[in-house]
Amino acid sequence: EPLVIETPVLIKNPFTEPGQPGTPQCVERDRDRIELKWNPPKSDGGNPIKGYQIERREKAA
């Protein structure tokens, strides 16, 4: 038999979007690589952050 309740129940995803990380800073670089650091976001959205995606682009002339 179906369950009958008197008050409505809100079903939602328990996770939200994480906050933005801090601004990346160059720690070390050479011709072939660059090492960056940044502060983690203040909120992880309820789920641990497993990694970041970083995109590279050429500096405008």
PDB file of N, CA and C in Angstrom:
ATOM      1  N   GLU A   1       0.831  -1.185   0.000  1.00  0.00           N
ATOM      2  CA  GLU A   1       0.000   0.000   0.000  1.00  0.00           C
ATOM      3  C   GLU A   1       0.875   1.247   0.000  1.00  0.00           C
ATOM      4  N   PRO A   2       0.425   2.310  -0.646  1.00  0.00           N
ATOM      5  CA  PRO A   2       1.200   3.549  -0.654  1.00  0.00           C
ATOM      6  C   PRO A   2       1.197   4.202   0.728  1.00  0.00           C
ATOM      7  N   LEU A   3       2.280   4.911   1.005  1.00  0.00           N
ATOM      8  CA  LEU A   3       2.400   5.652   2.258  1.00  0.00           C
ATOM      9  C   LEU A   3       1.657   6.979   2.121  1.00  0.00           C
ATOM     10  N   VAL A   4       0.834   7.305   3.085  1.00  0.00           N
ATOM     11  CA  VAL A   4       0.094   8.563   3.083  1.00  0.00           C
ATOM     12  C   VAL A   4       0.614   9.398   4.245  1.00  0.00           C
ATOM     13  N   ILE A   5       1.072  10.624   3.923  1.00  0.00           N
ATOM     14  CA  ILE A   5       1.569  11.521   4.971  1.00  0.00           C
ATOM     15  C   ILE A   5       0.796  12.830   4.915  1.00  0.00           C
ATOM     16  N   GLU A   6       0.793  13.548   6.034  1.00  0.00           N
ATOM     17  CA  GLU A   6       0.012  14.778   6.115  1.00  0.00           C
ATOM     18  C   GLU A   6       0.782  16.013   5.640  1.00  0.00           C
ATOM     19  N   THR A   7       2.105  15.996   5.760  1.00  0.00           N
ATOM     20  CA  THR A   7       2.894  17.163   5.347  1.00  0.00           C
ATOM     21  C   THR A   7       3.707  16.817   4.098  1.00  0.00           C
ATOM     22  N   PRO A   8       3.889  17.786   3.204  1.00  0.00           N
ATOM     23  CA  PRO A   8       4.660  17.505   1.989  1.00  0.00           C
ATOM     24  C   PRO A   8       6.141  17.290   2.309  1.00  0.00           C
ATOM     25  N   VAL A   9       6.801  16.520   1.460  1.00  0.00           N
ATOM     26  CA  VAL A   9       8.227  16.244   1.601  1.00  0.00           C
ATOM     27  C   VAL A   9       8.931  16.773   0.358  1.00  0.00           C
ATOM     28  N   LEU A  10      10.005  17.533   0.562  1.00  0.00           N
ATOM     29  CA  LEU A  10      10.777  18.070  -0.554  1.00  0.00           C
ATOM     30  C   LEU A  10      11.945  17.134  -0.834  1.00  0.00           C
ATOM     31  N   ILE A  11      11.998  16.603  -2.049  1.00  0.00           N
ATOM     32  CA  ILE A  11      13.085  15.731  -2.466  1.00  0.00           C
ATOM     33  C   ILE A  11      14.012  16.558  -3.344  1.00  0.00           C
ATOM     34  N   LYS A  12      15.292  16.632  -2.982  1.00  0.00           N
ATOM     35  CA  LYS A  12      16.235  17.399  -3.794  1.00  0.00           C
ATOM     36  C   LYS A  12      17.621  16.789  -3.697  1.00  0.00           C
ATOM     37  N   ASN A  13      18.469  17.174  -4.613  1.00  0.00           N
ATOM     38  CA  ASN A  13      19.852  16.730  -4.616  1.00  0.00           C
ATOM     39  C   ASN A  13      20.536  17.303  -3.374  1.00  0.00           C
ATOM     40  N   PRO A  14      21.249  16.496  -2.602  1.00  0.00           N
ATOM     41  CA  PRO A  14      21.879  17.008  -1.384  1.00  0.00           C
ATOM     42  C   PRO A  14      23.105  17.879  -1.652  1.00  0.00           C
ATOM     43  N   PHE A  15      23.568  17.927  -2.899  1.00  0.00           N
ATOM     44  CA  PHE A  15      24.764  18.689  -3.224  1.00  0.00           C
ATOM     45  C   PHE A  15      24.411  19.950  -4.003  1.00  0.00           C
ATOM     46  N   THR A  16      25.206  20.996  -3.827  1.00  0.00           N
ATOM     47  CA  THR A  16      25.043  22.239  -4.570  1.00  0.00           C
ATOM     48  C   THR A  16      26.343  22.525  -5.316  1.00  0.00           C
ATOM     49  N   GLU A  17      26.338  23.564  -6.119  1.00  0.00           N
ATOM     50  CA  GLU A  17      27.553  23.950  -6.836  1.00  0.00           C
ATOM     51  C   GLU A  17      28.610  24.398  -5.823  1.00  0.00           C
ATOM     52  N   PRO A  18      29.864  23.967  -5.999  1.00  0.00           N
ATOM     53  CA  PRO A  18      30.914  24.465  -5.100  1.00  0.00           C
ATOM     54  C   PRO A  18      31.225  25.924  -5.397  1.00  0.00           C
ATOM     55  N   GLY A  19      31.827  26.600  -4.437  1.00  0.00           N
ATOM     56  CA  GLY A  19      32.245  27.977  -4.647  1.00  0.00           C
ATOM     57  C   GLY A  19      33.450  28.037  -5.575  1.00  0.00           C
ATOM     58  N   GLN A  20      33.851  29.235  -5.943  1.00  0.00           N
ATOM     59  CA  GLN A  20      35.014  29.406  -6.809  1.00  0.00           C
ATOM     60  C   GLN A  20      36.290  29.333  -5.988  1.00  0.00           C
ATOM     61  N   PRO A  21      37.338  28.710  -6.545  1.00  0.00           N
ATOM     62  CA  PRO A  21      38.623  28.721  -5.842  1.00  0.00           C
ATOM     63  C   PRO A  21      39.241  30.113  -5.913  1.00  0.00           C
ATOM     64  N   GLY A  22      40.281  30.331  -5.116  1.00  0.00           N
ATOM     65  CA  GLY A  22      40.983  31.610  -5.151  1.00  0.00           C
ATOM     66  C   GLY A  22      41.682  31.816  -6.486  1.00  0.00           C
ATOM     67  N   THR A  23      42.168  33.018  -6.716  1.00  0.00           N
ATOM     68  CA  THR A  23      42.874  33.339  -7.960  1.00  0.00           C
ATOM     69  C   THR A  23      44.180  32.561  -8.027  1.00  0.00           C
ATOM     70  N   PRO A  24      44.429  31.853  -9.133  1.00  0.00           N
ATOM     71  CA  PRO A  24      45.682  31.096  -9.256  1.00  0.00           C
ATOM     72  C   PRO A  24      46.895  32.022  -9.252  1.00  0.00           C
ATOM     73  N   GLN A  25      47.968  31.562  -8.621  1.00  0.00           N
ATOM     74  CA  GLN A  25      49.226  32.301  -8.595  1.00  0.00           C
ATOM     75  C   GLN A  25      50.328  31.383  -9.101  1.00  0.00           C
ATOM     76  N   CYS A  26      51.234  31.936  -9.874  1.00  0.00           N
ATOM     77  CA  CYS A  26      52.365  31.174 -10.396  1.00  0.00           C
ATOM     78  C   CYS A  26      53.402  31.017  -9.290  1.00  0.00           C
ATOM     79  N   VAL A  27      53.735  29.772  -8.959  1.00  0.00           N
ATOM     80  CA  VAL A  27      54.736  29.490  -7.941  1.00  0.00           C
ATOM     81  C   VAL A  27      56.100  29.310  -8.597  1.00  0.00           C
ATOM     82  N   GLU A  28      56.105  28.596  -9.715  1.00  0.00           N
ATOM     83  CA  GLU A  28      57.352  28.317 -10.422  1.00  0.00           C
ATOM     84  C   GLU A  28      57.026  28.018 -11.878  1.00  0.00           C
ATOM     85  N   ARG A  29      57.932  28.398 -12.760  1.00  0.00           N
ATOM     86  CA  ARG A  29      57.722  28.075 -14.169  1.00  0.00           C
ATOM     87  C   ARG A  29      59.058  27.989 -14.884  1.00  0.00           C
ATOM     88  N   ASP A  30      59.059  27.242 -15.948  1.00  0.00           N
ATOM     89  CA  ASP A  30      60.186  27.208 -16.867  1.00  0.00           C
ATOM     90  C   ASP A  30      59.618  27.024 -18.266  1.00  0.00           C
ATOM     91  N   ARG A  31      60.444  26.663 -19.198  1.00  0.00           N
ATOM     92  CA  ARG A  31      60.007  26.600 -20.597  1.00  0.00           C
ATOM     93  C   ARG A  31      58.913  25.570 -20.843  1.00  0.00           C
ATOM     94  N   ASP A  32      58.920  24.478 -20.099  1.00  0.00           N
ATOM     95  CA  ASP A  32      58.014  23.359 -20.369  1.00  0.00           C
ATOM     96  C   ASP A  32      56.891  23.166 -19.363  1.00  0.00           C
ATOM     97  N   ARG A  33      56.919  23.880 -18.269  1.00  0.00           N
ATOM     98  CA  ARG A  33      55.892  23.633 -17.258  1.00  0.00           C
ATOM     99  C   ARG A  33      55.662  24.880 -16.409  1.00  0.00           C
ATOM    100  N   ILE A  34      54.547  24.831 -15.686  1.00  0.00           N
ATOM    101  CA  ILE A  34      54.223  25.907 -14.752  1.00  0.00           C
ATOM    102  C   ILE A  34      53.570  25.272 -13.527  1.00  0.00           C
ATOM    103  N   GLU A  35      53.901  25.784 -12.368  1.00  0.00           N
ATOM    104  CA  GLU A  35      53.299  25.292 -11.126  1.00  0.00           C
ATOM    105  C   GLU A  35      52.432  26.407 -10.552  1.00  0.00           C
ATOM    106  N   LEU A  36      51.161  26.081 -10.321  1.00  0.00           N
ATOM    107  CA  LEU A  36      50.205  27.054  -9.804  1.00  0.00           C
ATOM    108  C   LEU A  36      49.758  26.668  -8.407  1.00  0.00           C
ATOM    109  N   LYS A  37      49.325  27.654  -7.647  1.00  0.00           N
ATOM    110  CA  LYS A  37      48.676  27.383  -6.359  1.00  0.00           C
ATOM    111  C   LYS A  37      47.504  28.333  -6.220  1.00  0.00           C
ATOM    112  N   TRP A  38      46.522  27.915  -5.430  1.00  0.00           N
ATOM    113  CA  TRP A  38      45.353  28.747  -5.158  1.00  0.00           C
ATOM    114  C   TRP A  38      44.696  28.229  -3.892  1.00  0.00           C
ATOM    115  N   ASN A  39      43.879  29.058  -3.292  1.00  0.00           N
ATOM    116  CA  ASN A  39      43.129  28.650  -2.105  1.00  0.00           C
ATOM    117  C   ASN A  39      41.884  27.889  -2.538  1.00  0.00           C
ATOM    118  N   PRO A  40      41.520  26.852  -1.794  1.00  0.00           N
ATOM    119  CA  PRO A  40      40.300  26.113  -2.143  1.00  0.00           C
ATOM    120  C   PRO A  40      39.064  26.984  -1.923  1.00  0.00           C
ATOM    121  N   PRO A  41      37.938  26.627  -2.539  1.00  0.00           N
ATOM    122  CA  PRO A  41      36.718  27.410  -2.332  1.00  0.00           C
ATOM    123  C   PRO A  41      36.239  27.317  -0.886  1.00  0.00           C
ATOM    124  N   LYS A  42      35.498  28.316  -0.451  1.00  0.00           N
ATOM    125  CA  LYS A  42      34.967  28.319   0.918  1.00  0.00           C
ATOM    126  C   LYS A  42      33.920  27.236   1.111  1.00  0.00           C
ATOM    127  N   SER A  43      33.213  26.885   0.033  1.00  0.00           N
ATOM    128  CA  SER A  43      32.186  25.844   0.104  1.00  0.00           C
ATOM    129  C   SER A  43      32.474  24.789  -0.953  1.00  0.00           C
ATOM    130  N   ASP A  44      32.433  23.522  -0.546  1.00  0.00           N
ATOM    131  CA  ASP A  44      32.626  22.442  -1.521  1.00  0.00           C
ATOM    132  C   ASP A  44      31.293  21.909  -2.039  1.00  0.00           C
ATOM    133  N   GLY A  45      30.200  22.539  -1.658  1.00  0.00           N
ATOM    134  CA  GLY A  45      28.884  22.132  -2.142  1.00  0.00           C
ATOM    135  C   GLY A  45      28.374  20.852  -1.506  1.00  0.00           C
ATOM    136  N   GLY A  46      29.022  20.390  -0.436  1.00  0.00           N
ATOM    137  CA  GLY A  46      28.586  19.173   0.238  1.00  0.00           C
ATOM    138  C   GLY A  46      29.232  17.912  -0.296  1.00  0.00           C
ATOM    139  N   ASN A  47      30.158  18.049  -1.231  1.00  0.00           N
ATOM    140  CA  ASN A  47      30.829  16.893  -1.820  1.00  0.00           C
ATOM    141  C   ASN A  47      32.296  17.265  -2.015  1.00  0.00           C
ATOM    142  N   PRO A  48      33.241  16.428  -1.577  1.00  0.00           N
ATOM    143  CA  PRO A  48      34.656  16.791  -1.715  1.00  0.00           C
ATOM    144  C   PRO A  48      35.043  17.068  -3.173  1.00  0.00           C
ATOM    145  N   ILE A  49      35.854  18.095  -3.373  1.00  0.00           N
ATOM    146  CA  ILE A  49      36.343  18.429  -4.713  1.00  0.00           C
ATOM    147  C   ILE A  49      37.488  17.484  -5.037  1.00  0.00           C
ATOM    148  N   LYS A  50      37.391  16.811  -6.175  1.00  0.00           N
ATOM    149  CA  LYS A  50      38.387  15.802  -6.552  1.00  0.00           C
ATOM    150  C   LYS A  50      39.444  16.348  -7.496  1.00  0.00           C
ATOM    151  N   GLY A  51      39.205  17.481  -8.111  1.00  0.00           N
ATOM    152  CA  GLY A  51      40.184  18.036  -9.039  1.00  0.00           C
ATOM    153  C   GLY A  51      39.678  19.321  -9.659  1.00  0.00           C
ATOM    154  N   TYR A  52      40.549  19.939 -10.427  1.00  0.00           N
ATOM    155  CA  TYR A  52      40.223  21.189 -11.103  1.00  0.00           C
ATOM    156  C   TYR A  52      40.572  21.050 -12.576  1.00  0.00           C
ATOM    157  N   GLN A  53      39.902  21.792 -13.417  1.00  0.00           N
ATOM    158  CA  GLN A  53      40.213  21.832 -14.840  1.00  0.00           C
ATOM    159  C   GLN A  53      40.789  23.206 -15.141  1.00  0.00           C
ATOM    160  N   ILE A  54      41.986  23.216 -15.712  1.00  0.00           N
ATOM    161  CA  ILE A  54      42.664  24.471 -16.026  1.00  0.00           C
ATOM    162  C   ILE A  54      42.856  24.546 -17.529  1.00  0.00           C
ATOM    163  N   GLU A  55      42.504  25.675 -18.109  1.00  0.00           N
ATOM    164  CA  GLU A  55      42.657  25.879 -19.546  1.00  0.00           C
ATOM    165  C   GLU A  55      43.790  26.862 -19.803  1.00  0.00           C
ATOM    166  N   ARG A  56      44.523  26.618 -20.856  1.00  0.00           N
ATOM    167  CA  ARG A  56      45.645  27.471 -21.230  1.00  0.00           C
ATOM    168  C   ARG A  56      45.279  28.238 -22.492  1.00  0.00           C
ATOM    169  N   ARG A  57      45.680  29.490 -22.543  1.00  0.00           N
ATOM    170  CA  ARG A  57      45.501  30.265 -23.768  1.00  0.00           C
ATOM    171  C   ARG A  57      46.714  31.169 -23.942  1.00  0.00           C
ATOM    172  N   GLU A  58      46.973  31.512 -25.185  1.00  0.00           N
ATOM    173  CA  GLU A  58      48.099  32.385 -25.495  1.00  0.00           C
ATOM    174  C   GLU A  58      47.771  33.814 -25.081  1.00  0.00           C
ATOM    175  N   LYS A  59      48.775  34.521 -24.622  1.00  0.00           N
ATOM    176  CA  LYS A  59      48.602  35.911 -24.246  1.00  0.00           C
ATOM    177  C   LYS A  59      48.363  36.739 -25.506  1.00  0.00           C
ATOM    178  N   ALA A  60      47.392  37.638 -25.463  1.00  0.00           N
ATOM    179  CA  ALA A  60      47.074  38.471 -26.633  1.00  0.00           C
ATOM    180  C   ALA A  60      48.247  39.395 -26.947  1.00  0.00           C
ATOM    181  N   ALA A  61      48.512  39.572 -28.228  1.00  0.00           N
ATOM    182  CA  ALA A  61      49.643  40.419 -28.646  1.00  0.00           C
ATOM    183  C   ALA A  61      49.286  41.882 -28.612  1.00  0.00           C
TER     184      ALA A  61
END
